[in-house]
Amino acid sequence: MDTTTTYKPNDWREARRLRAWELKQKGWQQTAIAEALGVSNGAVSQWLSRAEAGGLDTLRTRRGGGPKPRLNDQQRAQVPELLRSGAEAYGFRGQVWTRARVQTVLEQQFGVRYSLMQIGRLLKQLGWSRQKPVERASQRNEAAIAEWRERGWAELKKSAGRGKDVGLRG
């Protein structure tokens, strides 16, 4: 087994583990190594056991892979197409996609269930922006609103500019 490190450590933790191995090869006792590196005896013991069993590569920093994605690449590529067909195509009322609706469609189409927070992350990764439905009264009269903006609002601005007390007209 190689007793020297010939590669550059990726981070300070890895350097510390490799240094522990080097000190052990120089004849240092485990407690002295722990004290010199500012770690527990147990940590040094684990590092040295790993290195003895599997070599110096076992002391290198390992990257966590994380959980396996629920949607494979092919399914993930299909999601934007599913959403482009519109929410009404899946039995929802209105064309607005909500995270809960997307969650339902993904469960129906692919048999996977994501939390609403993860649905939001997935949509953001796919380039879909947040949507919020516009809530307006069904009795809304656009013509009356436009007229008020031109006449009523202008009158209020004029009155306020002259310092007059503006009240409601009955």
C-alpha atoms as a PDB file:
ATOM      1  CA  MET A   1       0.000   0.000   0.000  1.00  0.00           C
ATOM      2  CA  ASP A   2       1.218   3.504  -0.894  1.00  0.00           C
ATOM      3  CA  THR A   3       2.201   5.404   2.218  1.00  0.00           C
ATOM      4  CA  THR A   4       2.522   8.876   0.707  1.00  0.00           C
ATOM      5  CA  THR A   5       0.008  11.222  -0.794  1.00  0.00           C
ATOM      6  CA  THR A   6       0.815  12.100  -4.387  1.00  0.00           C
ATOM      7  CA  TYR A   7      -2.302  14.098  -5.178  1.00  0.00           C
ATOM      8  CA  LYS A   8      -3.570  17.456  -4.043  1.00  0.00           C
ATOM      9  CA  PRO A   9      -6.487  17.348  -1.563  1.00  0.00           C
ATOM     10  CA  ASN A  10      -9.841  18.752  -2.673  1.00  0.00           C
ATOM     11  CA  ASP A  11     -10.617  20.482   0.617  1.00  0.00           C
ATOM     12  CA  TRP A  12      -9.253  20.992   4.120  1.00  0.00           C
ATOM     13  CA  ARG A  13     -11.136  18.009   5.553  1.00  0.00           C
ATOM     14  CA  GLU A  14      -9.590  15.681   3.019  1.00  0.00           C
ATOM     15  CA  ALA A  15      -6.162  17.204   3.701  1.00  0.00           C
ATOM     16  CA  ARG A  16      -6.656  16.550   7.409  1.00  0.00           C
ATOM     17  CA  ARG A  17      -7.524  12.874   6.804  1.00  0.00           C
ATOM     18  CA  LEU A  18      -4.511  12.442   4.527  1.00  0.00           C
ATOM     19  CA  ARG A  19      -2.281  14.182   7.071  1.00  0.00           C
ATOM     20  CA  ALA A  20      -3.493  11.732   9.725  1.00  0.00           C
ATOM     21  CA  TRP A  21      -2.426   8.868   7.478  1.00  0.00           C
ATOM     22  CA  GLU A  22       0.993  10.443   6.866  1.00  0.00           C
ATOM     23  CA  LEU A  23       1.559  10.960  10.587  1.00  0.00           C
ATOM     24  CA  LYS A  24       0.602   7.346  11.292  1.00  0.00           C
ATOM     25  CA  GLN A  25       3.146   6.203   8.691  1.00  0.00           C
ATOM     26  CA  LYS A  26       5.785   8.266  10.506  1.00  0.00           C
ATOM     27  CA  GLY A  27       5.090   6.311  13.689  1.00  0.00           C
ATOM     28  CA  TRP A  28       2.830   8.732  15.557  1.00  0.00           C
ATOM     29  CA  GLN A  29       0.370   7.334  18.074  1.00  0.00           C
ATOM     30  CA  GLN A  30      -3.337   7.724  17.378  1.00  0.00           C
ATOM     31  CA  THR A  31      -3.940  10.014  20.378  1.00  0.00           C
ATOM     32  CA  ALA A  32      -1.070  12.291  19.320  1.00  0.00           C
ATOM     33  CA  ILE A  33      -2.468  12.487  15.781  1.00  0.00           C
ATOM     34  CA  ALA A  34      -5.921  13.372  17.116  1.00  0.00           C
ATOM     35  CA  GLU A  35      -4.482  16.063  19.368  1.00  0.00           C
ATOM     36  CA  ALA A  36      -2.302  17.524  16.607  1.00  0.00           C
ATOM     37  CA  LEU A  37      -5.200  17.688  14.133  1.00  0.00           C
ATOM     38  CA  GLY A  38      -7.807  18.825  16.667  1.00  0.00           C
ATOM     39  CA  VAL A  39     -10.136  15.861  16.185  1.00  0.00           C
ATOM     40  CA  SER A  40     -11.341  12.978  18.317  1.00  0.00           C
ATOM     41  CA  ASN A  41      -9.538   9.664  18.705  1.00  0.00           C
ATOM     42  CA  GLY A  42     -12.564   7.977  17.168  1.00  0.00           C
ATOM     43  CA  ALA A  43     -12.314  10.051  13.990  1.00  0.00           C
ATOM     44  CA  VAL A  44      -8.646   9.185  13.560  1.00  0.00           C
ATOM     45  CA  SER A  45      -9.408   5.522  14.228  1.00  0.00           C
ATOM     46  CA  GLN A  46     -12.105   5.480  11.524  1.00  0.00           C
ATOM     47  CA  TRP A  47      -9.866   7.224   8.977  1.00  0.00           C
ATOM     48  CA  LEU A  48      -6.949   4.883   9.576  1.00  0.00           C
ATOM     49  CA  SER A  49      -9.164   1.790   9.462  1.00  0.00           C
ATOM     50  CA  ARG A  50     -10.661   2.925   6.157  1.00  0.00           C
ATOM     51  CA  ALA A  51      -7.239   3.636   4.654  1.00  0.00           C
ATOM     52  CA  GLU A  52      -5.840   0.288   5.798  1.00  0.00           C
ATOM     53  CA  ALA A  53      -8.810  -1.623   4.388  1.00  0.00           C
ATOM     54  CA  GLY A  54      -9.293   0.222   1.094  1.00  0.00           C
ATOM     55  CA  GLY A  55      -6.302   2.447   0.448  1.00  0.00           C
ATOM     56  CA  LEU A  56      -5.850   6.199   0.375  1.00  0.00           C
ATOM     57  CA  ASP A  57      -8.727   6.709  -2.053  1.00  0.00           C
ATOM     58  CA  THR A  58     -11.104   5.964   0.816  1.00  0.00           C
ATOM     59  CA  LEU A  59      -9.890   9.150   2.516  1.00  0.00           C
ATOM     60  CA  ARG A  60     -10.807  11.304  -0.475  1.00  0.00           C
ATOM     61  CA  THR A  61     -13.904  13.479  -0.333  1.00  0.00           C
ATOM     62  CA  ARG A  62     -16.935  11.679  -1.662  1.00  0.00           C
ATOM     63  CA  ARG A  63     -19.739  13.514  -3.372  1.00  0.00           C
ATOM     64  CA  GLY A  64     -23.213  12.543  -2.309  1.00  0.00           C
ATOM     65  CA  GLY A  65     -25.357  11.432  -5.196  1.00  0.00           C
ATOM     66  CA  GLY A  66     -28.619  12.335  -3.544  1.00  0.00           C
ATOM     67  CA  PRO A  67     -31.819  10.444  -4.156  1.00  0.00           C
ATOM     68  CA  LYS A  68     -32.566   8.992  -7.562  1.00  0.00           C
ATOM     69  CA  PRO A  69     -34.817  11.366  -9.562  1.00  0.00           C
ATOM     70  CA  ARG A  70     -38.444  10.245  -9.681  1.00  0.00           C
ATOM     71  CA  LEU A  71     -38.815  11.375 -13.279  1.00  0.00           C
ATOM     72  CA  ASN A  72     -36.306  10.027 -15.771  1.00  0.00           C
ATOM     73  CA  ASP A  73     -34.873  12.347 -18.440  1.00  0.00           C
ATOM     74  CA  GLN A  74     -37.438  11.293 -21.039  1.00  0.00           C
ATOM     75  CA  GLN A  75     -40.384  11.910 -18.700  1.00  0.00           C
ATOM     76  CA  ARG A  76     -38.929  15.222 -17.579  1.00  0.00           C
ATOM     77  CA  ALA A  77     -38.659  16.327 -21.215  1.00  0.00           C
ATOM     78  CA  GLN A  78     -42.370  15.525 -21.680  1.00  0.00           C
ATOM     79  CA  VAL A  79     -43.545  17.791 -18.839  1.00  0.00           C
ATOM     80  CA  PRO A  80     -43.478  21.101 -20.803  1.00  0.00           C
ATOM     81  CA  GLU A  81     -45.483  19.469 -23.620  1.00  0.00           C
ATOM     82  CA  LEU A  82     -48.069  18.221 -21.125  1.00  0.00           C
ATOM     83  CA  LEU A  83     -48.390  21.724 -19.689  1.00  0.00           C
ATOM     84  CA  ARG A  84     -48.656  23.360 -23.128  1.00  0.00           C
ATOM     85  CA  SER A  85     -51.788  21.342 -23.857  1.00  0.00           C
ATOM     86  CA  GLY A  86     -53.489  23.381 -21.134  1.00  0.00           C
ATOM     87  CA  ALA A  87     -55.073  22.631 -17.790  1.00  0.00           C
ATOM     88  CA  GLU A  88     -58.533  22.139 -19.322  1.00  0.00           C
ATOM     89  CA  ALA A  89     -57.192  19.162 -21.312  1.00  0.00           C
ATOM     90  CA  TYR A  90     -56.816  17.382 -17.960  1.00  0.00           C
ATOM     91  CA  GLY A  91     -60.284  18.255 -16.673  1.00  0.00           C
ATOM     92  CA  PHE A  92     -59.484  21.432 -14.753  1.00  0.00           C
ATOM     93  CA  ARG A  93     -61.639  24.531 -15.023  1.00  0.00           C
ATOM     94  CA  GLY A  94     -59.664  27.413 -16.507  1.00  0.00           C
ATOM     95  CA  GLN A  95     -56.290  27.399 -18.225  1.00  0.00           C
ATOM     96  CA  VAL A  96     -54.150  28.431 -15.264  1.00  0.00           C
ATOM     97  CA  TRP A  97     -51.635  25.887 -14.009  1.00  0.00           C
ATOM     98  CA  THR A  98     -51.162  25.748 -10.260  1.00  0.00           C
ATOM     99  CA  ARG A  99     -48.616  23.605  -8.475  1.00  0.00           C
ATOM    100  CA  ALA A 100     -51.423  21.402  -7.159  1.00  0.00           C
ATOM    101  CA  ARG A 101     -52.721  20.869 -10.695  1.00  0.00           C
ATOM    102  CA  VAL A 102     -49.258  20.040 -12.005  1.00  0.00           C
ATOM    103  CA  GLN A 103     -48.822  17.654  -9.084  1.00  0.00           C
ATOM    104  CA  THR A 104     -52.051  15.867 -10.045  1.00  0.00           C
ATOM    105  CA  VAL A 105     -51.089  15.600 -13.730  1.00  0.00           C
ATOM    106  CA  LEU A 106     -47.629  14.218 -12.959  1.00  0.00           C
ATOM    107  CA  GLU A 107     -49.153  11.639 -10.654  1.00  0.00           C
ATOM    108  CA  GLN A 108     -51.694  10.617 -13.321  1.00  0.00           C
ATOM    109  CA  GLN A 109     -49.218  10.546 -16.210  1.00  0.00           C
ATOM    110  CA  PHE A 110     -46.103   9.109 -14.579  1.00  0.00           C
ATOM    111  CA  GLY A 111     -47.238   7.670 -11.250  1.00  0.00           C
ATOM    112  CA  VAL A 112     -44.896   9.901  -9.232  1.00  0.00           C
ATOM    113  CA  ARG A 113     -45.834  12.298  -6.450  1.00  0.00           C
ATOM    114  CA  TYR A 114     -43.852  15.409  -5.624  1.00  0.00           C
ATOM    115  CA  SER A 115     -44.466  17.888  -2.818  1.00  0.00           C
ATOM    116  CA  LEU A 116     -45.866  21.250  -3.892  1.00  0.00           C
ATOM    117  CA  MET A 117     -42.534  22.870  -3.075  1.00  0.00           C
ATOM    118  CA  GLN A 118     -40.693  20.411  -5.322  1.00  0.00           C
ATOM    119  CA  ILE A 119     -43.251  21.012  -8.096  1.00  0.00           C
ATOM    120  CA  GLY A 120     -42.359  24.712  -7.877  1.00  0.00           C
ATOM    121  CA  ARG A 121     -38.646  23.899  -8.170  1.00  0.00           C
ATOM    122  CA  LEU A 122     -39.281  21.583 -11.116  1.00  0.00           C
ATOM    123  CA  LEU A 123     -41.324  24.223 -12.945  1.00  0.00           C
ATOM    124  CA  LYS A 124     -38.628  26.829 -12.353  1.00  0.00           C
ATOM    125  CA  GLN A 125     -35.953  24.456 -13.717  1.00  0.00           C
ATOM    126  CA  LEU A 126     -38.108  23.913 -16.807  1.00  0.00           C
ATOM    127  CA  GLY A 127     -38.399  27.674 -17.338  1.00  0.00           C
ATOM    128  CA  TRP A 128     -42.042  28.046 -16.318  1.00  0.00           C
ATOM    129  CA  SER A 129     -42.840  31.163 -14.319  1.00  0.00           C
ATOM    130  CA  ARG A 130     -45.276  31.561 -11.478  1.00  0.00           C
ATOM    131  CA  GLN A 131     -48.868  32.212 -12.402  1.00  0.00           C
ATOM    132  CA  LYS A 132     -51.504  33.790 -10.261  1.00  0.00           C
ATOM    133  CA  PRO A 133     -55.077  33.882 -11.470  1.00  0.00           C
ATOM    134  CA  VAL A 134     -56.637  37.318 -11.801  1.00  0.00           C
ATOM    135  CA  GLU A 135     -59.694  37.449  -9.599  1.00  0.00           C
ATOM    136  CA  ARG A 136     -62.306  39.870 -10.897  1.00  0.00           C
ATOM    137  CA  ALA A 137     -65.994  40.185 -10.256  1.00  0.00           C
ATOM    138  CA  SER A 138     -68.212  38.723 -12.994  1.00  0.00           C
ATOM    139  CA  GLN A 139     -70.337  41.926 -12.859  1.00  0.00           C
ATOM    140  CA  ARG A 140     -67.311  44.080 -13.728  1.00  0.00           C
ATOM    141  CA  ASN A 141     -68.146  46.823 -16.267  1.00  0.00           C
ATOM    142  CA  GLU A 142     -64.991  47.683 -18.198  1.00  0.00           C
ATOM    143  CA  ALA A 143     -66.623  50.635 -20.022  1.00  0.00           C
ATOM    144  CA  ALA A 144     -67.701  52.265 -16.739  1.00  0.00           C
ATOM    145  CA  ILE A 145     -64.233  51.759 -15.265  1.00  0.00           C
ATOM    146  CA  ALA A 146     -62.546  53.337 -18.300  1.00  0.00           C
ATOM    147  CA  GLU A 147     -64.922  56.328 -18.156  1.00  0.00           C
ATOM    148  CA  TRP A 148     -64.264  56.845 -14.436  1.00  0.00           C
ATOM    149  CA  ARG A 149     -60.508  56.725 -15.031  1.00  0.00           C
ATOM    150  CA  GLU A 150     -60.804  59.478 -17.621  1.00  0.00           C
ATOM    151  CA  ARG A 151     -63.305  61.745 -15.875  1.00  0.00           C
ATOM    152  CA  GLY A 152     -63.665  60.826 -12.192  1.00  0.00           C
ATOM    153  CA  TRP A 153     -59.992  60.224 -11.514  1.00  0.00           C
ATOM    154  CA  ALA A 154     -58.960  63.369 -13.370  1.00  0.00           C
ATOM    155  CA  GLU A 155     -61.458  65.379 -11.308  1.00  0.00           C
ATOM    156  CA  LEU A 156     -60.130  63.887  -8.065  1.00  0.00           C
ATOM    157  CA  LYS A 157     -56.569  64.776  -9.042  1.00  0.00           C
ATOM    158  CA  LYS A 158     -57.544  68.368  -9.859  1.00  0.00           C
ATOM    159  CA  SER A 159     -59.426  68.794  -6.570  1.00  0.00           C
ATOM    160  CA  ALA A 160     -56.648  67.280  -4.528  1.00  0.00           C
ATOM    161  CA  GLY A 161     -54.131  69.568  -6.215  1.00  0.00           C
ATOM    162  CA  ARG A 162     -56.111  72.666  -5.159  1.00  0.00           C
ATOM    163  CA  GLY A 163     -56.248  71.475  -1.548  1.00  0.00           C
ATOM    164  CA  LYS A 164     -60.020  70.997  -1.551  1.00  0.00           C
ATOM    165  CA  ASP A 165     -61.705  68.395   0.579  1.00  0.00           C
ATOM    166  CA  VAL A 166     -63.047  65.770  -1.775  1.00  0.00           C
ATOM    167  CA  GLY A 167     -66.104  63.868  -0.653  1.00  0.00           C
ATOM    168  CA  LEU A 168     -68.311  61.250  -2.159  1.00  0.00           C
ATOM    169  CA  ARG A 169     -71.166  62.403  -4.353  1.00  0.00           C
ATOM    170  CA  GLY A 170     -74.549  60.855  -3.780  1.00  0.00           C
END
